[in-house]
Amino acid sequence: MIGLWTGKSVPSGHPFDGVLENLGWFGKRFTADLRADALLFRAGGQRLIPVDPAWIPLGMALRFHRLGRTRAAGNLFSYLVGGLRAKGPVASLRTLPFRGVSSAAMIYDALPITDHFRRLDHDRLMGAMTITKDERIYFFELERVDEAQDLSAT
């Protein structure tokens, strides 16, 4: 799993379906020390900015999710993303059970969120984001990116 991955929602009726893409979500980066940039967003063309999810009011984001799919939200977030920059990786990788099967999981440091992963093939993962005390699951797919494609995190 180490490396850079680009992501996209898998529509399932979750409030976050389409929200991340509207805000410029690129994907995730996993490091060899089992840490992760959980939320990478595009800014200024190819530049990637790791966002600290601690800045995201999760309850409000769930409640007002429709707003997150608007053009105004996308424009506003493009101006705010630089100020939400993470100072380093914001999540840890470990193995956890998910629906009875041991799976790779990414646990956010500052939010009650765990992303569970299952390999689809060598270069693709299916992700299932769970939030403590919320039964809904946000599904997404990650695809490995060749970091030599000049995608740099700044």
N, C-alpha and C. Protein backbone atom coordinates (compact mmCIF):
# COMPACT_ATOMS: atom_id res chain seq x y z
N MET A 1 0.81 -1.21 0.00
CA MET A 1 0.00 0.00 0.00
C MET A 1 0.85 1.26 0.00
N ILE A 2 2.12 1.14 0.27
CA ILE A 2 2.98 2.31 0.34
C ILE A 2 2.96 3.05 -0.99
N GLY A 3 2.80 4.36 -0.91
CA GLY A 3 2.83 5.19 -2.11
C GLY A 3 1.62 6.10 -2.22
N LEU A 4 1.47 6.65 -3.41
CA LEU A 4 0.45 7.63 -3.71
C LEU A 4 -0.72 6.95 -4.42
N TRP A 5 -1.94 7.29 -4.00
CA TRP A 5 -3.16 6.70 -4.56
C TRP A 5 -4.15 7.81 -4.88
N THR A 6 -4.80 7.72 -6.02
CA THR A 6 -5.87 8.65 -6.37
C THR A 6 -7.20 7.99 -6.05
N GLY A 7 -8.18 8.80 -5.65
CA GLY A 7 -9.44 8.24 -5.20
C GLY A 7 -10.66 8.78 -5.90
N LYS A 8 -11.75 8.02 -5.78
CA LYS A 8 -13.05 8.45 -6.28
C LYS A 8 -14.13 7.76 -5.47
N SER A 9 -15.25 8.46 -5.29
CA SER A 9 -16.39 7.90 -4.58
C SER A 9 -16.99 6.75 -5.36
N VAL A 10 -17.56 5.81 -4.63
CA VAL A 10 -18.40 4.77 -5.21
C VAL A 10 -19.80 5.08 -4.68
N PRO A 11 -20.68 5.62 -5.53
CA PRO A 11 -22.01 6.04 -5.05
C PRO A 11 -22.75 4.93 -4.31
N SER A 12 -23.21 5.29 -3.10
CA SER A 12 -23.91 4.30 -2.27
C SER A 12 -25.03 4.94 -1.45
N GLY A 13 -25.28 6.22 -1.68
CA GLY A 13 -26.29 6.90 -0.89
C GLY A 13 -25.74 7.54 0.38
N HIS A 14 -24.44 7.47 0.60
CA HIS A 14 -23.83 8.11 1.78
C HIS A 14 -23.85 9.63 1.58
N PRO A 15 -24.00 10.39 2.65
CA PRO A 15 -24.00 11.86 2.53
C PRO A 15 -22.75 12.42 1.84
N PHE A 16 -21.61 11.74 1.95
CA PHE A 16 -20.38 12.27 1.36
C PHE A 16 -20.20 11.90 -0.11
N ASP A 17 -21.12 11.13 -0.70
CA ASP A 17 -21.00 10.79 -2.12
C ASP A 17 -20.85 12.07 -2.94
N GLY A 18 -19.76 12.19 -3.68
CA GLY A 18 -19.51 13.34 -4.55
C GLY A 18 -18.97 14.57 -3.88
N VAL A 19 -19.00 14.63 -2.57
CA VAL A 19 -18.53 15.83 -1.86
C VAL A 19 -17.02 16.01 -2.02
N LEU A 20 -16.27 14.97 -1.73
CA LEU A 20 -14.81 15.10 -1.78
C LEU A 20 -14.33 15.48 -3.18
N GLU A 21 -14.89 14.86 -4.20
CA GLU A 21 -14.50 15.20 -5.58
C GLU A 21 -14.81 16.67 -5.88
N ASN A 22 -15.95 17.16 -5.42
CA ASN A 22 -16.32 18.54 -5.65
C ASN A 22 -15.32 19.51 -5.00
N LEU A 23 -14.73 19.07 -3.90
CA LEU A 23 -13.78 19.92 -3.19
C LEU A 23 -12.34 19.78 -3.70
N GLY A 24 -12.13 18.92 -4.70
CA GLY A 24 -10.79 18.77 -5.28
C GLY A 24 -9.98 17.64 -4.69
N TRP A 25 -10.65 16.66 -4.07
CA TRP A 25 -9.93 15.53 -3.46
C TRP A 25 -9.14 14.78 -4.52
N PHE A 26 -7.88 14.52 -4.19
CA PHE A 26 -7.03 13.71 -5.06
C PHE A 26 -6.99 12.27 -4.59
N GLY A 27 -6.68 12.04 -3.30
CA GLY A 27 -6.56 10.68 -2.78
C GLY A 27 -5.81 10.63 -1.47
N LYS A 28 -4.92 9.63 -1.36
CA LYS A 28 -4.18 9.37 -0.11
C LYS A 28 -2.73 9.01 -0.43
N ARG A 29 -1.87 9.16 0.57
CA ARG A 29 -0.48 8.72 0.46
C ARG A 29 -0.15 7.92 1.72
N PHE A 30 0.42 6.72 1.52
CA PHE A 30 0.82 5.85 2.62
C PHE A 30 2.35 5.77 2.63
N THR A 31 2.93 5.89 3.83
CA THR A 31 4.39 5.88 3.96
C THR A 31 4.89 4.55 4.53
N ALA A 32 6.17 4.32 4.40
CA ALA A 32 6.79 3.07 4.85
C ALA A 32 6.71 2.90 6.37
N ASP A 33 6.58 4.00 7.11
CA ASP A 33 6.49 3.90 8.57
C ASP A 33 5.04 3.73 9.05
N LEU A 34 4.15 3.30 8.12
CA LEU A 34 2.74 3.01 8.42
C LEU A 34 1.96 4.24 8.88
N ARG A 35 2.33 5.39 8.33
CA ARG A 35 1.58 6.63 8.55
C ARG A 35 0.96 7.03 7.21
N ALA A 36 0.03 7.99 7.25
CA ALA A 36 -0.66 8.36 6.02
C ALA A 36 -1.07 9.82 5.98
N ASP A 37 -1.03 10.37 4.76
CA ASP A 37 -1.71 11.62 4.45
C ASP A 37 -3.10 11.16 4.03
N ALA A 38 -4.07 11.32 4.94
CA ALA A 38 -5.40 10.76 4.73
C ALA A 38 -6.21 11.50 3.67
N LEU A 39 -5.98 12.78 3.53
CA LEU A 39 -6.75 13.60 2.60
C LEU A 39 -5.81 14.49 1.80
N LEU A 40 -5.57 14.12 0.55
CA LEU A 40 -4.77 14.95 -0.34
C LEU A 40 -5.71 15.64 -1.32
N PHE A 41 -5.54 16.96 -1.44
CA PHE A 41 -6.37 17.74 -2.36
C PHE A 41 -5.50 18.41 -3.40
N ARG A 42 -6.06 18.60 -4.60
CA ARG A 42 -5.38 19.32 -5.67
C ARG A 42 -5.49 20.82 -5.42
N ALA A 43 -4.41 21.50 -5.70
CA ALA A 43 -4.41 22.96 -5.63
C ALA A 43 -3.44 23.46 -6.69
N GLY A 44 -3.85 24.46 -7.42
CA GLY A 44 -2.95 25.05 -8.41
C GLY A 44 -2.42 24.07 -9.43
N GLY A 45 -3.27 23.39 -10.12
CA GLY A 45 -2.82 22.43 -11.14
C GLY A 45 -2.48 21.09 -10.55
N GLN A 46 -1.20 20.71 -10.59
CA GLN A 46 -0.78 19.38 -10.14
C GLN A 46 -0.34 19.33 -8.68
N ARG A 47 -0.21 20.48 -8.03
CA ARG A 47 0.26 20.51 -6.65
C ARG A 47 -0.73 19.83 -5.72
N LEU A 48 -0.21 18.99 -4.83
CA LEU A 48 -1.06 18.29 -3.86
C LEU A 48 -0.83 18.87 -2.47
N ILE A 49 -1.92 19.08 -1.75
CA ILE A 49 -1.85 19.60 -0.40
C ILE A 49 -2.47 18.58 0.55
N PRO A 50 -1.68 18.09 1.53
CA PRO A 50 -2.25 17.20 2.54
C PRO A 50 -3.04 18.04 3.56
N VAL A 51 -4.31 17.71 3.72
CA VAL A 51 -5.19 18.46 4.63
C VAL A 51 -5.29 17.72 5.96
N ASP A 52 -5.27 18.49 7.05
CA ASP A 52 -5.45 17.93 8.38
C ASP A 52 -6.95 17.81 8.65
N PRO A 53 -7.47 16.57 8.73
CA PRO A 53 -8.91 16.41 8.94
C PRO A 53 -9.39 16.93 10.29
N ALA A 54 -8.47 17.23 11.21
CA ALA A 54 -8.87 17.79 12.50
C ALA A 54 -9.60 19.12 12.32
N TRP A 55 -9.36 19.81 11.19
CA TRP A 55 -10.00 21.09 10.91
C TRP A 55 -11.43 20.91 10.41
N ILE A 56 -11.83 19.69 10.09
CA ILE A 56 -13.15 19.45 9.49
C ILE A 56 -14.17 19.13 10.59
N PRO A 57 -15.19 19.97 10.74
CA PRO A 57 -16.24 19.68 11.74
C PRO A 57 -17.12 18.54 11.20
N LEU A 58 -16.84 17.33 11.60
CA LEU A 58 -17.46 16.14 11.03
C LEU A 58 -18.98 16.16 11.14
N GLY A 59 -19.51 16.51 12.30
CA GLY A 59 -20.96 16.55 12.47
C GLY A 59 -21.62 17.52 11.51
N MET A 60 -21.03 18.69 11.35
CA MET A 60 -21.58 19.69 10.42
C MET A 60 -21.45 19.22 8.98
N ALA A 61 -20.33 18.59 8.65
CA ALA A 61 -20.13 18.09 7.29
C ALA A 61 -21.19 17.05 6.93
N LEU A 62 -21.52 16.18 7.88
CA LEU A 62 -22.56 15.18 7.64
C LEU A 62 -23.95 15.82 7.53
N ARG A 63 -24.21 16.78 8.38
CA ARG A 63 -25.53 17.42 8.41
C ARG A 63 -25.79 18.28 7.17
N PHE A 64 -24.77 19.00 6.72
CA PHE A 64 -24.92 19.92 5.59
C PHE A 64 -24.22 19.40 4.33
N HIS A 65 -24.24 18.10 4.14
CA HIS A 65 -23.52 17.47 3.03
C HIS A 65 -23.95 17.99 1.66
N ARG A 66 -25.19 18.36 1.49
CA ARG A 66 -25.65 18.85 0.18
C ARG A 66 -24.88 20.10 -0.23
N LEU A 67 -24.57 20.94 0.73
CA LEU A 67 -23.79 22.15 0.47
C LEU A 67 -22.41 21.79 -0.08
N GLY A 68 -21.85 20.68 0.40
CA GLY A 68 -20.51 20.26 -0.04
C GLY A 68 -20.43 19.88 -1.51
N ARG A 69 -21.57 19.67 -2.14
CA ARG A 69 -21.58 19.33 -3.57
C ARG A 69 -21.84 20.54 -4.46
N THR A 70 -21.94 21.74 -3.87
CA THR A 70 -22.22 22.93 -4.67
C THR A 70 -20.94 23.54 -5.23
N ARG A 71 -21.14 24.29 -6.29
CA ARG A 71 -20.01 24.99 -6.91
C ARG A 71 -19.40 26.00 -5.93
N ALA A 72 -20.26 26.66 -5.15
CA ALA A 72 -19.79 27.65 -4.17
C ALA A 72 -18.86 26.98 -3.14
N ALA A 73 -19.23 25.80 -2.68
CA ALA A 73 -18.39 25.09 -1.70
C ALA A 73 -17.05 24.73 -2.32
N GLY A 74 -17.06 24.26 -3.55
CA GLY A 74 -15.81 23.93 -4.24
C GLY A 74 -14.91 25.13 -4.38
N ASN A 75 -15.50 26.28 -4.77
CA ASN A 75 -14.72 27.51 -4.92
C ASN A 75 -14.17 27.97 -3.58
N LEU A 76 -15.01 27.97 -2.55
CA LEU A 76 -14.57 28.40 -1.23
C LEU A 76 -13.45 27.50 -0.70
N PHE A 77 -13.62 26.19 -0.85
CA PHE A 77 -12.61 25.26 -0.35
C PHE A 77 -11.28 25.47 -1.06
N SER A 78 -11.30 25.81 -2.35
CA SER A 78 -10.04 26.04 -3.08
C SER A 78 -9.25 27.20 -2.47
N TYR A 79 -9.95 28.15 -1.86
CA TYR A 79 -9.27 29.26 -1.20
C TYR A 79 -8.80 28.89 0.21
N LEU A 80 -9.51 28.00 0.85
CA LEU A 80 -9.20 27.63 2.24
C LEU A 80 -8.18 26.50 2.37
N VAL A 81 -8.02 25.68 1.33
CA VAL A 81 -7.25 24.45 1.45
C VAL A 81 -5.82 24.68 1.95
N GLY A 82 -5.19 25.75 1.53
CA GLY A 82 -3.82 26.04 1.99
C GLY A 82 -3.73 26.23 3.49
N GLY A 83 -4.75 26.82 4.09
CA GLY A 83 -4.77 27.04 5.53
C GLY A 83 -5.11 25.79 6.34
N LEU A 84 -5.57 24.75 5.67
CA LEU A 84 -5.92 23.50 6.33
C LEU A 84 -4.81 22.46 6.22
N ARG A 85 -3.67 22.89 5.73
CA ARG A 85 -2.53 22.00 5.47
C ARG A 85 -2.09 21.26 6.73
N ALA A 86 -1.87 19.97 6.57
CA ALA A 86 -1.37 19.13 7.67
C ALA A 86 0.13 19.38 7.85
N LYS A 87 0.59 19.28 9.09
CA LYS A 87 2.02 19.45 9.38
C LYS A 87 2.80 18.16 9.20
N GLY A 88 2.10 17.09 8.93
CA GLY A 88 2.69 15.77 8.73
C GLY A 88 1.56 14.76 8.56
N PRO A 89 1.91 13.48 8.47
CA PRO A 89 0.87 12.46 8.34
C PRO A 89 -0.14 12.54 9.50
N VAL A 90 -1.41 12.23 9.19
CA VAL A 90 -2.50 12.43 10.16
C VAL A 90 -3.28 11.15 10.46
N ALA A 91 -2.72 10.01 10.05
CA ALA A 91 -3.40 8.74 10.28
C ALA A 91 -2.37 7.62 10.33
N SER A 92 -2.78 6.49 10.90
CA SER A 92 -1.90 5.32 11.02
C SER A 92 -2.52 4.11 10.34
N LEU A 93 -1.66 3.27 9.81
CA LEU A 93 -2.10 2.01 9.19
C LEU A 93 -1.90 0.86 10.14
N ARG A 94 -2.85 -0.05 10.16
CA ARG A 94 -2.72 -1.30 10.90
C ARG A 94 -3.73 -2.29 10.36
N THR A 95 -3.68 -3.49 10.84
CA THR A 95 -4.64 -4.52 10.44
C THR A 95 -5.76 -4.58 11.46
N LEU A 96 -7.00 -4.51 10.98
CA LEU A 96 -8.19 -4.58 11.85
C LEU A 96 -9.24 -5.45 11.17
N PRO A 97 -10.10 -6.07 11.95
CA PRO A 97 -11.19 -6.82 11.32
C PRO A 97 -12.26 -5.86 10.78
N PHE A 98 -12.79 -6.20 9.62
CA PHE A 98 -13.91 -5.48 9.03
C PHE A 98 -14.87 -6.51 8.47
N ARG A 99 -16.05 -6.54 9.05
CA ARG A 99 -17.06 -7.52 8.66
C ARG A 99 -16.51 -8.95 8.67
N GLY A 100 -15.76 -9.24 9.75
CA GLY A 100 -15.26 -10.59 9.98
C GLY A 100 -14.00 -10.98 9.25
N VAL A 101 -13.39 -10.05 8.50
CA VAL A 101 -12.18 -10.36 7.74
C VAL A 101 -11.09 -9.36 8.11
N SER A 102 -9.89 -9.86 8.42
CA SER A 102 -8.76 -8.96 8.70
C SER A 102 -8.43 -8.18 7.44
N SER A 103 -8.34 -6.86 7.60
CA SER A 103 -8.09 -5.98 6.47
C SER A 103 -7.13 -4.88 6.89
N ALA A 104 -6.46 -4.30 5.89
CA ALA A 104 -5.68 -3.09 6.16
C ALA A 104 -6.65 -1.99 6.54
N ALA A 105 -6.26 -1.17 7.51
CA ALA A 105 -7.12 -0.08 7.96
C ALA A 105 -6.27 1.15 8.23
N MET A 106 -6.86 2.30 7.99
CA MET A 106 -6.22 3.57 8.28
C MET A 106 -7.08 4.26 9.33
N ILE A 107 -6.47 4.53 10.49
CA ILE A 107 -7.17 5.16 11.60
C ILE A 107 -6.75 6.62 11.68
N TYR A 108 -7.73 7.50 11.57
CA TYR A 108 -7.44 8.94 11.66
C TYR A 108 -7.01 9.28 13.09
N ASP A 109 -6.03 10.16 13.22
CA ASP A 109 -5.54 10.56 14.54
C ASP A 109 -6.56 11.41 15.31
N ALA A 110 -7.24 12.34 14.64
CA ALA A 110 -8.03 13.35 15.34
C ALA A 110 -9.54 13.21 15.15
N LEU A 111 -9.99 12.26 14.37
CA LEU A 111 -11.42 12.06 14.14
C LEU A 111 -11.78 10.60 14.37
N PRO A 112 -13.03 10.31 14.71
CA PRO A 112 -13.44 8.92 14.94
C PRO A 112 -13.74 8.20 13.62
N ILE A 113 -12.75 8.19 12.73
CA ILE A 113 -12.91 7.61 11.39
C ILE A 113 -11.87 6.52 11.18
N THR A 114 -12.31 5.43 10.58
CA THR A 114 -11.42 4.36 10.14
C THR A 114 -11.77 4.02 8.70
N ASP A 115 -10.76 3.99 7.85
CA ASP A 115 -10.93 3.53 6.47
C ASP A 115 -10.43 2.10 6.40
N HIS A 116 -11.26 1.20 5.91
CA HIS A 116 -10.90 -0.21 5.74
C HIS A 116 -10.66 -0.45 4.26
N PHE A 117 -9.64 -1.26 3.94
CA PHE A 117 -9.26 -1.47 2.54
C PHE A 117 -9.26 -2.95 2.19
N ARG A 118 -9.69 -3.23 0.97
CA ARG A 118 -9.59 -4.56 0.39
C ARG A 118 -9.00 -4.39 -1.00
N ARG A 119 -8.06 -5.24 -1.32
CA ARG A 119 -7.38 -5.17 -2.62
C ARG A 119 -8.31 -5.70 -3.71
N LEU A 120 -8.47 -4.91 -4.78
CA LEU A 120 -9.21 -5.36 -5.96
C LEU A 120 -8.26 -6.04 -6.95
N ASP A 121 -7.09 -5.43 -7.11
CA ASP A 121 -6.01 -6.01 -7.91
C ASP A 121 -4.73 -5.30 -7.48
N HIS A 122 -3.65 -5.50 -8.19
CA HIS A 122 -2.34 -4.95 -7.76
C HIS A 122 -2.37 -3.43 -7.59
N ASP A 123 -3.14 -2.74 -8.43
CA ASP A 123 -3.11 -1.28 -8.43
C ASP A 123 -4.40 -0.62 -7.97
N ARG A 124 -5.35 -1.39 -7.45
CA ARG A 124 -6.61 -0.81 -7.01
C ARG A 124 -7.06 -1.38 -5.68
N LEU A 125 -7.60 -0.48 -4.83
CA LEU A 125 -8.14 -0.86 -3.53
C LEU A 125 -9.58 -0.36 -3.43
N MET A 126 -10.42 -1.13 -2.76
CA MET A 126 -11.75 -0.65 -2.40
C MET A 126 -11.65 -0.16 -0.97
N GLY A 127 -12.20 1.01 -0.69
CA GLY A 127 -12.18 1.58 0.64
C GLY A 127 -13.58 1.70 1.21
N ALA A 128 -13.69 1.50 2.51
CA ALA A 128 -14.94 1.66 3.23
C ALA A 128 -14.66 2.51 4.46
N MET A 129 -15.15 3.76 4.45
CA MET A 129 -14.92 4.67 5.56
C MET A 129 -16.05 4.50 6.57
N THR A 130 -15.66 4.24 7.80
CA THR A 130 -16.64 4.13 8.88
C THR A 130 -16.39 5.24 9.89
N ILE A 131 -17.48 5.72 10.46
CA ILE A 131 -17.43 6.76 11.49
C ILE A 131 -18.05 6.15 12.74
N THR A 132 -17.33 6.25 13.85
CA THR A 132 -17.84 5.73 15.12
C THR A 132 -19.23 6.29 15.40
N LYS A 133 -20.14 5.44 15.82
CA LYS A 133 -21.53 5.78 16.16
C LYS A 133 -22.37 6.21 14.96
N ASP A 134 -21.95 5.86 13.73
CA ASP A 134 -22.72 6.12 12.52
C ASP A 134 -22.68 4.84 11.69
N GLU A 135 -23.83 4.26 11.43
CA GLU A 135 -23.89 2.97 10.74
C GLU A 135 -23.63 3.07 9.24
N ARG A 136 -23.71 4.27 8.67
CA ARG A 136 -23.51 4.44 7.23
C ARG A 136 -22.05 4.23 6.87
N ILE A 137 -21.81 3.72 5.68
CA ILE A 137 -20.45 3.49 5.19
C ILE A 137 -20.27 4.25 3.89
N TYR A 138 -19.18 5.01 3.83
CA TYR A 138 -18.82 5.73 2.61
C TYR A 138 -17.83 4.86 1.85
N PHE A 139 -18.18 4.49 0.62
CA PHE A 139 -17.32 3.64 -0.19
C PHE A 139 -16.55 4.47 -1.20
N PHE A 140 -15.31 4.08 -1.42
CA PHE A 140 -14.46 4.76 -2.40
C PHE A 140 -13.46 3.77 -2.97
N GLU A 141 -12.90 4.13 -4.10
CA GLU A 141 -11.89 3.30 -4.74
C GLU A 141 -10.60 4.10 -4.83
N LEU A 142 -9.49 3.43 -4.60
CA LEU A 142 -8.17 4.04 -4.75
C LEU A 142 -7.42 3.31 -5.86
N GLU A 143 -6.69 4.09 -6.66
CA GLU A 143 -5.85 3.51 -7.70
C GLU A 143 -4.44 4.06 -7.54
N ARG A 144 -3.47 3.14 -7.59
CA ARG A 144 -2.06 3.52 -7.41
C ARG A 144 -1.63 4.50 -8.49
N VAL A 145 -0.84 5.48 -8.09
CA VAL A 145 -0.31 6.49 -9.01
C VAL A 145 1.19 6.35 -9.06
N ASP A 146 1.74 6.43 -10.26
CA ASP A 146 3.19 6.44 -10.42
C ASP A 146 3.67 7.83 -10.02
N GLU A 147 4.38 7.90 -8.89
CA GLU A 147 4.80 9.22 -8.37
C GLU A 147 5.76 9.94 -9.30
N ALA A 148 6.32 9.26 -10.27
CA ALA A 148 7.20 9.89 -11.24
C ALA A 148 6.43 10.79 -12.21
N GLN A 149 5.10 10.79 -12.11
CA GLN A 149 4.27 11.60 -12.99
C GLN A 149 4.28 13.06 -12.62
N ASP A 150 5.26 13.47 -11.81
CA ASP A 150 5.42 14.86 -11.41
C ASP A 150 4.25 15.39 -10.58
N LEU A 151 3.72 14.55 -9.71
CA LEU A 151 2.73 15.01 -8.75
C LEU A 151 3.47 15.21 -7.44
N SER A 152 3.64 16.43 -7.02
CA SER A 152 4.42 16.68 -5.83
C SER A 152 3.56 17.24 -4.71
N ALA A 153 3.80 16.78 -3.51
CA ALA A 153 3.13 17.36 -2.33
C ALA A 153 4.00 18.48 -1.81
N THR A 154 3.38 19.59 -1.52
CA THR A 154 4.16 20.73 -1.01
C THR A 154 3.63 21.18 0.31
